[in-house]
Amino acid sequence: MVFVYIIAGLAVLFAVYVILLKPRPEPRTSVEPLKVDYAHRGLFGRNEIVENTIPAFREAEDAGFGIELDVRLSADGELVVFHDDTLERLCGRPEKVSSLTASELSWVDIKGTYERIPLFTDVLDRIDHRIPLCIEIKGEGSDTAVCEKLAAILDGYDGYYSVESFNPFLLNWFRKNRPRIVRGQLTTNLFKGGVRTSLFNKIGCTTMIFNFLSKPDYIAYDVKCPRQLPVVICDRLYHALMVAWTVRDERTLAECRAKGRICIFQDFIPAEPRTAAAAGGGRR
C-alpha cells in the first residue's frame, strides 16, 4: 500500500511539473517575421570579423540573415552588446563588463582589432530595421534593471525582434510589462560541461521549472541536448515553437529544419538560407 501511495505521489508531482512547463498558449503578436535563420552573434570569423560587433552584424544583414546578439548592463547602466560577463576571452582583461562604464568599455580593444564593444543603441542605428533580431538578455538573479533599459530602447524601435534569456525572472518582467513582445526561454543541461553557476540556476535552467513565470512564446534549446525531458514535453505535448542553438553544420541544420525548428547557426553559412526577405513582413 505504501508503494502505491509513493507511485501516486510521484505521478501527481510529475503532473504538476508538466503544468508548470506550459508555454504561453497563443502569442499576442505574429511570430511569422521571426521565422528565419539567425547568425549567432552575427556573421564572424572571416576577415578578422569578431562576434557581437557592428561588422559581424553588417555581414549578417548583407546576407539577409536574422541577427542573434547579447545585451548586458555596464557599470553606469548603459546597454552594451557583449556575451561574456568578463573581458577575459575577447579582450584579455580580467574585469567584469559590469564594473566598467560604457565610456570605459568603448576604449577596450577586442582581440587587438580596431573594433570596440558597441552600445545596443548604436547597433540599432546601423542595421536595417527589416532584419529580425533575437536579443539574448544576460543577467542572473532577480535584478530587472537590464529589462527596463532594454524595453525603453525597444519602445522606440520599429523593427522585428524577440527577447530571450536563460533567466526566467527577466522574461517574467517582460511578461508583466511588455506582454506583446515575443519572448523565448533558453535552456540547456547546466549539469554538463562544468558551467560555473549556482545550483539554483542549474536546476532552473535545466528543468525549465520556472516556465510558469516566463510563459515563453518559444523554447530555445541546446542542439546538443534535444532529448532533454522538458524540451520534449514542450515540443510534443504543447507543440511550442522550437528554436535550435547553436547549429554548426549543414546536416544538423537540415535535421532541425525538417522538424520545423528555427535555427541559430555559427561557423558556416547555410547553403539554402531561410532569410528575412523570405519570411515576409509584419510588424511586432
C-alpha atoms as a PDB file:
ATOM      1  CA  MET A   1       0.000   0.000   0.000  1.00  0.00           C
ATOM      2  CA  VAL A   2       2.834   2.385   0.849  1.00  0.00           C
ATOM      3  CA  PHE A   3       4.322   1.679  -2.566  1.00  0.00           C
ATOM      4  CA  VAL A   4       1.033   2.662  -4.224  1.00  0.00           C
ATOM      5  CA  TYR A   5       0.960   5.942  -2.311  1.00  0.00           C
ATOM      6  CA  ILE A   6       4.548   6.653  -3.378  1.00  0.00           C
ATOM      7  CA  ILE A   7       3.733   5.990  -7.031  1.00  0.00           C
ATOM      8  CA  ALA A   8       0.586   8.117  -6.805  1.00  0.00           C
ATOM      9  CA  GLY A   9       2.537  10.946  -5.164  1.00  0.00           C
ATOM     10  CA  LEU A  10       5.223  10.825  -7.836  1.00  0.00           C
ATOM     11  CA  ALA A  11       2.558  10.865 -10.541  1.00  0.00           C
ATOM     12  CA  VAL A  12       0.972  13.967  -9.020  1.00  0.00           C
ATOM     13  CA  LEU A  13       4.348  15.707  -8.764  1.00  0.00           C
ATOM     14  CA  PHE A  14       5.105  14.896 -12.393  1.00  0.00           C
ATOM     15  CA  ALA A  15       1.704  16.200 -13.461  1.00  0.00           C
ATOM     16  CA  VAL A  16       2.353  19.460 -11.590  1.00  0.00           C
ATOM     17  CA  TYR A  17       5.773  19.704 -13.242  1.00  0.00           C
ATOM     18  CA  VAL A  18       4.246  19.256 -16.704  1.00  0.00           C
ATOM     19  CA  ILE A  19       1.714  22.007 -15.954  1.00  0.00           C
ATOM     20  CA  LEU A  20       4.484  24.358 -14.796  1.00  0.00           C
ATOM     21  CA  LEU A  21       6.293  23.863 -18.111  1.00  0.00           C
ATOM     22  CA  LYS A  22       3.391  25.106 -20.228  1.00  0.00           C
ATOM     23  CA  PRO A  23       4.387  27.970 -22.556  1.00  0.00           C
ATOM     24  CA  ARG A  24       2.118  30.890 -23.420  1.00  0.00           C
ATOM     25  CA  PRO A  25      -0.911  29.317 -25.180  1.00  0.00           C
ATOM     26  CA  GLU A  26      -1.090  31.865 -28.002  1.00  0.00           C
ATOM     27  CA  PRO A  27       1.416  34.608 -28.854  1.00  0.00           C
ATOM     28  CA  ARG A  28      -0.143  38.055 -28.660  1.00  0.00           C
ATOM     29  CA  THR A  29       1.677  39.059 -31.834  1.00  0.00           C
ATOM     30  CA  SER A  30       2.695  37.368 -35.060  1.00  0.00           C
ATOM     31  CA  VAL A  31       5.885  35.328 -34.936  1.00  0.00           C
ATOM     32  CA  GLU A  32       5.985  34.772 -38.700  1.00  0.00           C
ATOM     33  CA  PRO A  33       8.501  37.580 -39.433  1.00  0.00           C
ATOM     34  CA  LEU A  34      10.823  35.967 -36.870  1.00  0.00           C
ATOM     35  CA  LYS A  35      10.962  32.561 -38.578  1.00  0.00           C
ATOM     36  CA  VAL A  36      14.340  32.969 -40.247  1.00  0.00           C
ATOM     37  CA  ASP A  37      17.871  31.667 -39.782  1.00  0.00           C
ATOM     38  CA  TYR A  38      19.821  33.711 -37.227  1.00  0.00           C
ATOM     39  CA  ALA A  39      23.562  34.325 -37.346  1.00  0.00           C
ATOM     40  CA  HIS A  40      24.830  33.619 -33.816  1.00  0.00           C
ATOM     41  CA  ARG A  41      26.404  36.868 -32.583  1.00  0.00           C
ATOM     42  CA  GLY A  42      26.437  37.991 -36.209  1.00  0.00           C
ATOM     43  CA  LEU A  43      28.480  36.523 -39.067  1.00  0.00           C
ATOM     44  CA  PHE A  44      32.023  36.464 -37.733  1.00  0.00           C
ATOM     45  CA  GLY A  45      35.253  34.542 -38.092  1.00  0.00           C
ATOM     46  CA  ARG A  46      36.122  35.640 -41.626  1.00  0.00           C
ATOM     47  CA  ASN A  47      38.269  38.662 -42.496  1.00  0.00           C
ATOM     48  CA  GLU A  48      39.096  39.093 -38.792  1.00  0.00           C
ATOM     49  CA  ILE A  49      35.481  39.962 -38.003  1.00  0.00           C
ATOM     50  CA  VAL A  50      34.697  39.443 -34.323  1.00  0.00           C
ATOM     51  CA  GLU A  51      31.453  38.336 -32.692  1.00  0.00           C
ATOM     52  CA  ASN A  52      28.883  40.855 -31.449  1.00  0.00           C
ATOM     53  CA  THR A  53      30.412  43.765 -33.380  1.00  0.00           C
ATOM     54  CA  ILE A  54      28.990  46.108 -35.999  1.00  0.00           C
ATOM     55  CA  PRO A  55      30.917  44.413 -38.865  1.00  0.00           C
ATOM     56  CA  ALA A  56      29.551  40.992 -37.814  1.00  0.00           C
ATOM     57  CA  PHE A  57      26.017  42.356 -37.834  1.00  0.00           C
ATOM     58  CA  ARG A  58      26.561  44.070 -41.175  1.00  0.00           C
ATOM     59  CA  GLU A  59      27.768  40.771 -42.671  1.00  0.00           C
ATOM     60  CA  ALA A  60      24.616  39.017 -41.440  1.00  0.00           C
ATOM     61  CA  GLU A  61      22.456  41.846 -42.755  1.00  0.00           C
ATOM     62  CA  ASP A  62      24.100  41.753 -46.201  1.00  0.00           C
ATOM     63  CA  ALA A  63      23.422  38.011 -46.378  1.00  0.00           C
ATOM     64  CA  GLY A  64      19.811  38.551 -45.320  1.00  0.00           C
ATOM     65  CA  PHE A  65      20.013  36.556 -42.092  1.00  0.00           C
ATOM     66  CA  GLY A  66      18.462  37.447 -38.790  1.00  0.00           C
ATOM     67  CA  ILE A  67      20.855  38.571 -36.074  1.00  0.00           C
ATOM     68  CA  GLU A  68      21.260  36.980 -32.655  1.00  0.00           C
ATOM     69  CA  LEU A  69      23.082  39.164 -30.140  1.00  0.00           C
ATOM     70  CA  ASP A  70      23.692  39.522 -26.405  1.00  0.00           C
ATOM     71  CA  VAL A  71      22.986  42.523 -24.196  1.00  0.00           C
ATOM     72  CA  ARG A  72      24.073  43.338 -20.655  1.00  0.00           C
ATOM     73  CA  LEU A  73      24.469  46.419 -18.479  1.00  0.00           C
ATOM     74  CA  SER A  74      27.632  48.457 -17.959  1.00  0.00           C
ATOM     75  CA  ALA A  75      28.510  49.973 -14.585  1.00  0.00           C
ATOM     76  CA  ASP A  76      26.642  53.170 -15.435  1.00  0.00           C
ATOM     77  CA  GLY A  77      23.507  51.369 -16.580  1.00  0.00           C
ATOM     78  CA  GLU A  78      24.058  51.525 -20.339  1.00  0.00           C
ATOM     79  CA  LEU A  79      23.107  48.580 -22.537  1.00  0.00           C
ATOM     80  CA  VAL A  80      26.157  47.111 -24.279  1.00  0.00           C
ATOM     81  CA  VAL A  81      26.419  44.220 -26.721  1.00  0.00           C
ATOM     82  CA  PHE A  82      28.747  41.585 -25.282  1.00  0.00           C
ATOM     83  CA  HIS A  83      28.342  37.899 -24.494  1.00  0.00           C
ATOM     84  CA  ASP A  84      30.669  37.128 -21.578  1.00  0.00           C
ATOM     85  CA  ASP A  85      30.411  38.600 -18.105  1.00  0.00           C
ATOM     86  CA  THR A  86      34.172  39.331 -18.140  1.00  0.00           C
ATOM     87  CA  LEU A  87      36.530  40.775 -20.753  1.00  0.00           C
ATOM     88  CA  GLU A  88      38.983  37.884 -20.447  1.00  0.00           C
ATOM     89  CA  ARG A  89      38.181  35.778 -23.534  1.00  0.00           C
ATOM     90  CA  LEU A  90      37.795  38.536 -26.117  1.00  0.00           C
ATOM     91  CA  CYS A  91      39.897  41.338 -24.687  1.00  0.00           C
ATOM     92  CA  GLY A  92      42.485  39.654 -22.477  1.00  0.00           C
ATOM     93  CA  ARG A  93      41.456  41.685 -19.423  1.00  0.00           C
ATOM     94  CA  PRO A  94      40.122  40.341 -16.098  1.00  0.00           C
ATOM     95  CA  GLU A  95      37.457  42.975 -15.386  1.00  0.00           C
ATOM     96  CA  LYS A  96      33.763  42.284 -15.403  1.00  0.00           C
ATOM     97  CA  VAL A  97      31.763  44.172 -18.021  1.00  0.00           C
ATOM     98  CA  SER A  98      29.504  45.407 -15.234  1.00  0.00           C
ATOM     99  CA  SER A  99      32.474  47.005 -13.444  1.00  0.00           C
ATOM    100  CA  LEU A 100      33.266  49.462 -16.255  1.00  0.00           C
ATOM    101  CA  THR A 101      31.237  52.331 -17.651  1.00  0.00           C
ATOM    102  CA  ALA A 102      30.117  52.347 -21.258  1.00  0.00           C
ATOM    103  CA  SER A 103      32.684  55.047 -21.966  1.00  0.00           C
ATOM    104  CA  GLU A 104      35.473  52.946 -20.454  1.00  0.00           C
ATOM    105  CA  LEU A 105      34.335  49.883 -22.400  1.00  0.00           C
ATOM    106  CA  SER A 106      34.392  51.872 -25.627  1.00  0.00           C
ATOM    107  CA  TRP A 107      38.187  52.170 -25.300  1.00  0.00           C
ATOM    108  CA  VAL A 108      38.789  48.438 -24.836  1.00  0.00           C
ATOM    109  CA  ASP A 109      40.303  46.657 -27.852  1.00  0.00           C
ATOM    110  CA  ILE A 110      38.583  43.454 -28.939  1.00  0.00           C
ATOM    111  CA  LYS A 111      41.221  40.837 -29.808  1.00  0.00           C
ATOM    112  CA  GLY A 112      43.664  43.531 -30.802  1.00  0.00           C
ATOM    113  CA  THR A 113      41.424  44.835 -33.576  1.00  0.00           C
ATOM    114  CA  TYR A 114      40.094  48.339 -34.014  1.00  0.00           C
ATOM    115  CA  GLU A 115      36.625  47.162 -33.000  1.00  0.00           C
ATOM    116  CA  ARG A 116      35.032  48.233 -29.742  1.00  0.00           C
ATOM    117  CA  ILE A 117      32.187  46.948 -27.606  1.00  0.00           C
ATOM    118  CA  PRO A 118      29.094  48.597 -29.131  1.00  0.00           C
ATOM    119  CA  LEU A 119      26.163  50.153 -27.380  1.00  0.00           C
ATOM    120  CA  PHE A 120      22.881  48.456 -28.218  1.00  0.00           C
ATOM    121  CA  THR A 121      21.527  51.778 -29.492  1.00  0.00           C
ATOM    122  CA  ASP A 122      24.484  52.046 -31.900  1.00  0.00           C
ATOM    123  CA  VAL A 123      23.640  48.614 -33.300  1.00  0.00           C
ATOM    124  CA  LEU A 124      20.005  49.583 -33.864  1.00  0.00           C
ATOM    125  CA  ASP A 125      21.094  52.793 -35.594  1.00  0.00           C
ATOM    126  CA  ARG A 126      23.358  50.962 -38.029  1.00  0.00           C
ATOM    127  CA  ILE A 127      21.338  47.951 -39.173  1.00  0.00           C
ATOM    128  CA  ASP A 128      18.335  47.584 -41.456  1.00  0.00           C
ATOM    129  CA  HIS A 129      15.214  47.503 -39.287  1.00  0.00           C
ATOM    130  CA  ARG A 130      13.707  44.849 -41.547  1.00  0.00           C
ATOM    131  CA  ILE A 131      16.297  42.345 -40.278  1.00  0.00           C
ATOM    132  CA  PRO A 132      14.831  40.332 -37.362  1.00  0.00           C
ATOM    133  CA  LEU A 133      16.729  40.416 -34.084  1.00  0.00           C
ATOM    134  CA  CYS A 134      16.962  37.695 -31.460  1.00  0.00           C
ATOM    135  CA  ILE A 135      18.093  39.555 -28.335  1.00  0.00           C
ATOM    136  CA  GLU A 136      19.534  37.452 -25.528  1.00  0.00           C
ATOM    137  CA  ILE A 137      19.340  39.214 -22.165  1.00  0.00           C
ATOM    138  CA  LYS A 138      22.267  38.479 -19.873  1.00  0.00           C
ATOM    139  CA  GLY A 139      21.884  38.622 -16.107  1.00  0.00           C
ATOM    140  CA  GLU A 140      21.474  36.368 -13.105  1.00  0.00           C
ATOM    141  CA  GLY A 141      19.221  36.818 -10.104  1.00  0.00           C
ATOM    142  CA  SER A 142      16.100  38.927  -9.884  1.00  0.00           C
ATOM    143  CA  ASP A 143      17.510  42.368 -10.752  1.00  0.00           C
ATOM    144  CA  THR A 144      15.449  43.543 -13.739  1.00  0.00           C
ATOM    145  CA  ALA A 145      17.243  46.830 -14.434  1.00  0.00           C
ATOM    146  CA  VAL A 146      18.508  45.397 -17.717  1.00  0.00           C
ATOM    147  CA  CYS A 147      14.899  44.690 -18.765  1.00  0.00           C
ATOM    148  CA  GLU A 148      13.779  48.229 -18.019  1.00  0.00           C
ATOM    149  CA  LYS A 149      16.653  49.687 -20.043  1.00  0.00           C
ATOM    150  CA  LEU A 150      16.083  47.324 -22.953  1.00  0.00           C
ATOM    151  CA  ALA A 151      12.327  47.912 -23.046  1.00  0.00           C
ATOM    152  CA  ALA A 152      12.795  51.686 -23.013  1.00  0.00           C
ATOM    153  CA  ILE A 153      15.016  51.409 -26.090  1.00  0.00           C
ATOM    154  CA  LEU A 154      12.799  48.914 -27.913  1.00  0.00           C
ATOM    155  CA  ASP A 155       9.732  51.099 -27.341  1.00  0.00           C
ATOM    156  CA  GLY A 156      11.160  53.450 -29.959  1.00  0.00           C
ATOM    157  CA  TYR A 157      12.319  50.742 -32.383  1.00  0.00           C
ATOM    158  CA  ASP A 158      10.145  49.823 -35.370  1.00  0.00           C
ATOM    159  CA  GLY A 159      11.886  46.591 -36.421  1.00  0.00           C
ATOM    160  CA  TYR A 160      11.177  42.920 -35.785  1.00  0.00           C
ATOM    161  CA  TYR A 161      12.585  41.266 -32.698  1.00  0.00           C
ATOM    162  CA  SER A 162      12.186  38.822 -29.857  1.00  0.00           C
ATOM    163  CA  VAL A 163      13.852  38.686 -26.448  1.00  0.00           C
ATOM    164  CA  GLU A 164      15.189  35.534 -24.831  1.00  0.00           C
ATOM    165  CA  SER A 165      17.083  34.595 -21.704  1.00  0.00           C
ATOM    166  CA  PHE A 166      18.144  31.696 -19.536  1.00  0.00           C
ATOM    167  CA  ASN A 167      16.801  33.744 -16.626  1.00  0.00           C
ATOM    168  CA  PRO A 168      13.013  33.328 -16.255  1.00  0.00           C
ATOM    169  CA  PHE A 169      12.821  36.267 -13.859  1.00  0.00           C
ATOM    170  CA  LEU A 170      13.943  38.619 -16.622  1.00  0.00           C
ATOM    171  CA  LEU A 171      11.383  37.167 -19.008  1.00  0.00           C
ATOM    172  CA  ASN A 172       8.734  37.473 -16.313  1.00  0.00           C
ATOM    173  CA  TRP A 173       9.369  41.227 -16.283  1.00  0.00           C
ATOM    174  CA  PHE A 174       8.564  41.357 -19.981  1.00  0.00           C
ATOM    175  CA  ARG A 175       5.536  39.157 -19.453  1.00  0.00           C
ATOM    176  CA  LYS A 176       4.146  41.676 -16.959  1.00  0.00           C
ATOM    177  CA  ASN A 177       5.328  44.946 -18.501  1.00  0.00           C
ATOM    178  CA  ARG A 178       5.633  44.299 -22.267  1.00  0.00           C
ATOM    179  CA  PRO A 179       3.349  41.320 -22.898  1.00  0.00           C
ATOM    180  CA  ARG A 180       3.212  41.883 -26.675  1.00  0.00           C
ATOM    181  CA  ILE A 181       6.951  41.334 -27.099  1.00  0.00           C
ATOM    182  CA  VAL A 182       7.754  37.801 -28.237  1.00  0.00           C
ATOM    183  CA  ARG A 183       9.900  36.070 -25.617  1.00  0.00           C
ATOM    184  CA  GLY A 184      11.857  32.836 -25.581  1.00  0.00           C
ATOM    185  CA  GLN A 185      13.064  30.630 -22.754  1.00  0.00           C
ATOM    186  CA  LEU A 186      16.634  29.432 -23.251  1.00  0.00           C
ATOM    187  CA  THR A 187      17.549  26.050 -21.848  1.00  0.00           C
ATOM    188  CA  THR A 188      20.443  23.610 -21.718  1.00  0.00           C
ATOM    189  CA  ASN A 189      21.741  20.976 -19.347  1.00  0.00           C
ATOM    190  CA  LEU A 190      23.870  23.030 -16.952  1.00  0.00           C
ATOM    191  CA  PHE A 191      24.888  19.892 -15.075  1.00  0.00           C
ATOM    192  CA  LYS A 192      27.120  19.027 -18.042  1.00  0.00           C
ATOM    193  CA  GLY A 193      30.154  20.899 -19.277  1.00  0.00           C
ATOM    194  CA  GLY A 194      31.339  22.252 -15.937  1.00  0.00           C
ATOM    195  CA  VAL A 195      29.399  25.515 -16.101  1.00  0.00           C
ATOM    196  CA  ARG A 196      30.121  27.642 -13.033  1.00  0.00           C
ATOM    197  CA  THR A 197      26.855  28.914 -11.628  1.00  0.00           C
ATOM    198  CA  SER A 198      24.643  28.363  -8.594  1.00  0.00           C
ATOM    199  CA  LEU A 199      22.767  25.119  -8.006  1.00  0.00           C
ATOM    200  CA  PHE A 200      19.543  27.150  -8.159  1.00  0.00           C
ATOM    201  CA  ASN A 201      20.409  28.352 -11.671  1.00  0.00           C
ATOM    202  CA  LYS A 202      21.439  24.877 -12.788  1.00  0.00           C
ATOM    203  CA  ILE A 203      18.158  23.341 -11.641  1.00  0.00           C
ATOM    204  CA  GLY A 204      16.007  26.157 -13.028  1.00  0.00           C
ATOM    205  CA  CYS A 205      17.687  26.265 -16.431  1.00  0.00           C
ATOM    206  CA  THR A 206      17.898  22.505 -16.902  1.00  0.00           C
ATOM    207  CA  THR A 207      14.355  21.647 -15.781  1.00  0.00           C
ATOM    208  CA  MET A 208      12.628  24.854 -17.020  1.00  0.00           C
ATOM    209  CA  ILE A 209      10.505  24.582 -13.896  1.00  0.00           C
ATOM    210  CA  PHE A 210      10.036  28.358 -13.890  1.00  0.00           C
ATOM    211  CA  ASN A 211       8.259  28.464 -17.239  1.00  0.00           C
ATOM    212  CA  PHE A 212       5.153  29.407 -15.275  1.00  0.00           C
ATOM    213  CA  LEU A 213       6.906  32.726 -14.641  1.00  0.00           C
ATOM    214  CA  SER A 214       8.270  33.380 -18.113  1.00  0.00           C
ATOM    215  CA  LYS A 215       5.367  31.871 -20.125  1.00  0.00           C
ATOM    216  CA  PRO A 216       7.553  31.844 -23.243  1.00  0.00           C
ATOM    217  CA  ASP A 217       6.371  32.039 -26.840  1.00  0.00           C
ATOM    218  CA  TYR A 218       9.184  29.719 -27.870  1.00  0.00           C
ATOM    219  CA  ILE A 219      11.721  27.351 -26.365  1.00  0.00           C
ATOM    220  CA  ALA A 220      15.345  27.904 -27.407  1.00  0.00           C
ATOM    221  CA  TYR A 221      17.106  24.623 -26.691  1.00  0.00           C
ATOM    222  CA  ASP A 222      20.722  23.494 -26.922  1.00  0.00           C
ATOM    223  CA  VAL A 223      21.026  21.427 -30.088  1.00  0.00           C
ATOM    224  CA  LYS A 224      23.381  19.116 -28.154  1.00  0.00           C
ATOM    225  CA  CYS A 225      20.540  18.289 -25.721  1.00  0.00           C
ATOM    226  CA  PRO A 226      17.492  17.638 -27.959  1.00  0.00           C
ATOM    227  CA  ARG A 227      16.124  14.855 -25.745  1.00  0.00           C
ATOM    228  CA  GLN A 228      16.138  16.856 -22.540  1.00  0.00           C
ATOM    229  CA  LEU A 229      12.832  15.965 -20.860  1.00  0.00           C
ATOM    230  CA  PRO A 230      11.319  19.472 -20.592  1.00  0.00           C
ATOM    231  CA  VAL A 231      12.274  20.161 -24.228  1.00  0.00           C
ATOM    232  CA  VAL A 232      10.480  17.006 -25.343  1.00  0.00           C
ATOM    233  CA  ILE A 233       7.404  17.878 -23.253  1.00  0.00           C
ATOM    234  CA  CYS A 234       7.190  21.433 -24.607  1.00  0.00           C
ATOM    235  CA  ASP A 235       7.660  20.173 -28.136  1.00  0.00           C
ATOM    236  CA  ARG A 236       5.442  17.091 -28.259  1.00  0.00           C
ATOM    237  CA  LEU A 237       2.783  17.886 -25.684  1.00  0.00           C
ATOM    238  CA  TYR A 238       2.456  21.660 -26.008  1.00  0.00           C
ATOM    239  CA  HIS A 239       3.643  21.959 -29.632  1.00  0.00           C
ATOM    240  CA  ALA A 240       5.674  25.026 -28.714  1.00  0.00           C
ATOM    241  CA  LEU A 241       7.676  26.922 -31.299  1.00  0.00           C
ATOM    242  CA  MET A 242      11.197  25.490 -31.020  1.00  0.00           C
ATOM    243  CA  VAL A 243      14.478  27.285 -31.693  1.00  0.00           C
ATOM    244  CA  ALA A 244      17.689  25.238 -32.002  1.00  0.00           C
ATOM    245  CA  TRP A 245      21.074  26.697 -30.967  1.00  0.00           C
ATOM    246  CA  THR A 246      23.910  26.612 -31.857  1.00  0.00           C
ATOM    247  CA  VAL A 247      23.731  24.777 -35.209  1.00  0.00           C
ATOM    248  CA  ARG A 248      27.244  24.324 -36.611  1.00  0.00           C
ATOM    249  CA  ASP A 249      26.865  22.310 -39.824  1.00  0.00           C
ATOM    250  CA  GLU A 250      24.526  21.722 -42.762  1.00  0.00           C
ATOM    251  CA  ARG A 251      23.466  18.252 -41.632  1.00  0.00           C
ATOM    252  CA  THR A 252      22.237  19.456 -38.252  1.00  0.00           C
ATOM    253  CA  LEU A 253      20.577  22.428 -39.931  1.00  0.00           C
ATOM    254  CA  ALA A 254      18.659  20.123 -42.283  1.00  0.00           C
ATOM    255  CA  GLU A 255      17.588  17.869 -39.401  1.00  0.00           C
ATOM    256  CA  CYS A 256      16.321  20.823 -37.372  1.00  0.00           C
ATOM    257  CA  ARG A 257      14.505  22.363 -40.317  1.00  0.00           C
ATOM    258  CA  ALA A 258      12.810  19.046 -41.057  1.00  0.00           C
ATOM    259  CA  LYS A 259      11.328  19.236 -37.546  1.00  0.00           C
ATOM    260  CA  GLY A 260      10.131  22.807 -38.084  1.00  0.00           C
ATOM    261  CA  ARG A 261      12.797  24.446 -35.923  1.00  0.00           C
ATOM    262  CA  ILE A 262      14.100  27.975 -36.209  1.00  0.00           C
ATOM    263  CA  CYS A 263      17.894  27.749 -36.312  1.00  0.00           C
ATOM    264  CA  ILE A 264      20.626  29.907 -34.789  1.00  0.00           C
ATOM    265  CA  PHE A 265      23.815  28.993 -36.636  1.00  0.00           C
ATOM    266  CA  GLN A 266      27.567  29.583 -36.379  1.00  0.00           C
ATOM    267  CA  ASP A 267      30.832  28.516 -38.101  1.00  0.00           C
ATOM    268  CA  PHE A 268      29.231  28.070 -41.535  1.00  0.00           C
ATOM    269  CA  ILE A 269      26.825  29.829 -43.880  1.00  0.00           C
ATOM    270  CA  PRO A 270      23.681  27.856 -44.810  1.00  0.00           C
ATOM    271  CA  ALA A 271      23.710  26.823 -48.473  1.00  0.00           C
ATOM    272  CA  GLU A 272      19.977  27.453 -48.774  1.00  0.00           C
ATOM    273  CA  PRO A 273      19.329  30.276 -46.342  1.00  0.00           C
ATOM    274  CA  ARG A 274      15.972  30.986 -44.816  1.00  0.00           C
ATOM    275  CA  THR A 275      16.323  34.749 -44.906  1.00  0.00           C
ATOM    276  CA  ALA A 276      14.434  37.753 -43.644  1.00  0.00           C
ATOM    277  CA  ALA A 277      13.228  38.513 -47.174  1.00  0.00           C
ATOM    278  CA  ALA A 278      11.709  35.049 -47.460  1.00  0.00           C
ATOM    279  CA  ALA A 279       9.936  35.360 -44.133  1.00  0.00           C
ATOM    280  CA  GLY A 280       7.910  38.340 -45.274  1.00  0.00           C
ATOM    281  CA  GLY A 281       6.792  41.431 -43.430  1.00  0.00           C
ATOM    282  CA  GLY A 282       4.668  42.131 -40.403  1.00  0.00           C
ATOM    283  CA  ARG A 283       5.259  44.446 -37.506  1.00  0.00           C
ATOM    284  CA  ARG A 284       5.627  43.133 -33.992  1.00  0.00           C
END
